[in-house]
Amino acid sequence: MSGLKTTSQTDLARLRATGDFAWDGTDEDDRPLSLEEMQAGIDANRKKRGRPVGALKESTTIRFDRDVLEMFRASGPGWQTRMNAALRDWLKSHSPTRSS
């Protein structure tokens, strides 16, 4: 590897040049992280998965015309959320009535 710098060396040089990184060449804490420190870092940066607490959603089975469903699915991920928003918007100007 004749003269090639690793990404971390290049990034460190860029940070030093831009002043975004203050480092005096010494590292008082030059030791591996403990398991507790690693876990704390992981926990601090972990995104919570799943539905947010307090979201009142109900699972149901419903039938839609195939073309309507295909249009929403074709819009990509999040199509069910967009379909819910479209129904909610429709309800703002319409009163759902029962037809016999």
Protein backbone atom coordinates (compact mmCIF):
# COMPACT_ATOMS: atom_id res chain seq x y z
CA MET A 1 0.00 0.00 0.00
CA SER A 2 2.42 2.58 -1.20
CA GLY A 3 1.48 5.98 0.16
CA LEU A 4 -2.29 5.40 0.31
CA LYS A 5 -4.05 6.93 3.28
CA THR A 6 -6.93 5.23 4.97
CA THR A 7 -10.25 6.99 5.17
CA SER A 8 -9.80 7.67 8.88
CA GLN A 9 -6.40 9.30 8.31
CA THR A 10 -7.86 11.47 5.55
CA ASP A 11 -10.86 12.41 7.69
CA LEU A 12 -8.63 13.26 10.66
CA ALA A 13 -6.46 15.50 8.46
CA ARG A 14 -9.56 17.25 7.08
CA LEU A 15 -10.98 17.79 10.56
CA ARG A 16 -7.70 19.23 11.81
CA ALA A 17 -7.46 21.53 8.78
CA THR A 18 -11.00 22.87 9.16
CA GLY A 19 -10.73 23.37 12.89
CA ASP A 20 -13.82 21.24 13.51
CA PHE A 21 -11.73 18.93 15.64
CA ALA A 22 -9.73 20.10 18.62
CA TRP A 23 -6.98 17.64 19.44
CA ASP A 24 -3.68 18.49 21.08
CA GLY A 25 -1.95 15.24 20.13
CA THR A 26 -2.49 13.62 23.50
CA ASP A 27 -5.21 11.29 24.58
CA GLU A 28 -5.68 10.97 28.31
CA ASP A 29 -8.37 8.34 27.87
CA ASP A 30 -6.35 6.04 25.58
CA ARG A 31 -8.03 2.79 26.61
CA PRO A 32 -10.71 0.50 25.21
CA LEU A 33 -14.28 1.26 26.23
CA SER A 34 -15.83 -0.87 28.92
CA LEU A 35 -18.89 -2.97 28.13
CA GLU A 36 -21.03 -0.51 30.09
CA GLU A 37 -19.68 2.45 28.08
CA MET A 38 -20.27 0.63 24.79
CA GLN A 39 -23.81 -0.34 25.80
CA ALA A 40 -24.56 3.23 26.91
CA GLY A 41 -23.43 4.52 23.51
CA ILE A 42 -25.52 1.95 21.69
CA ASP A 43 -28.59 2.70 23.82
CA ALA A 44 -28.19 6.46 23.31
CA ASN A 45 -28.14 6.10 19.53
CA ARG A 46 -30.67 3.32 19.10
CA LYS A 47 -33.82 4.20 17.23
CA LYS A 48 -36.93 2.74 18.72
CA ARG A 49 -38.72 0.38 16.38
CA GLY A 50 -42.38 -0.21 15.91
CA ARG A 51 -45.38 1.93 16.49
CA PRO A 52 -44.92 4.95 18.75
CA VAL A 53 -46.37 4.58 22.23
CA GLY A 54 -49.87 5.99 22.34
CA ALA A 55 -50.63 5.51 18.64
CA LEU A 56 -54.23 4.38 18.47
CA LYS A 57 -54.31 2.16 15.41
CA GLU A 58 -56.61 -0.79 14.89
CA SER A 59 -55.94 -3.73 12.64
CA THR A 60 -58.83 -4.64 10.34
CA THR A 61 -59.61 -6.40 7.10
CA ILE A 62 -61.12 -4.29 4.34
CA ARG A 63 -61.60 -4.71 0.60
CA PHE A 64 -60.65 -2.04 -1.94
CA ASP A 65 -60.90 -1.98 -5.71
CA ARG A 66 -57.72 -3.40 -7.19
CA ASP A 67 -56.85 -0.23 -9.15
CA VAL A 68 -57.16 1.96 -6.04
CA LEU A 69 -54.94 -0.36 -4.04
CA GLU A 70 -52.38 -0.60 -6.87
CA MET A 71 -52.14 3.20 -7.09
CA PHE A 72 -51.42 3.55 -3.37
CA ARG A 73 -48.94 0.65 -3.38
CA ALA A 74 -47.17 2.10 -6.42
CA SER A 75 -46.45 5.25 -4.42
CA GLY A 76 -43.90 3.27 -2.38
CA PRO A 77 -43.31 2.62 1.29
CA GLY A 78 -45.77 4.36 3.59
CA TRP A 79 -48.69 3.78 1.24
CA GLN A 80 -50.95 2.63 4.09
CA THR A 81 -50.24 5.83 6.03
CA ARG A 82 -51.04 7.89 2.90
CA MET A 83 -54.24 5.93 2.36
CA ASN A 84 -55.26 6.61 5.96
CA ALA A 85 -54.52 10.34 5.46
CA ALA A 86 -56.61 10.38 2.26
CA LEU A 87 -59.56 8.81 4.09
CA ARG A 88 -59.14 11.24 6.99
CA ASP A 89 -59.09 14.18 4.54
CA TRP A 90 -62.24 12.87 2.85
CA LEU A 91 -63.99 12.71 6.22
CA LYS A 92 -63.35 16.44 6.78
CA SER A 93 -65.78 17.34 4.01
CA HIS A 94 -68.13 14.35 4.08
CA SER A 95 -70.33 12.80 6.67
CA PRO A 96 -70.12 9.00 6.60
CA THR A 97 -73.68 7.76 6.32
CA ARG A 98 -75.04 4.28 6.34
CA SER A 99 -76.73 3.14 3.21
CA SER A 100 -79.22 0.29 3.41
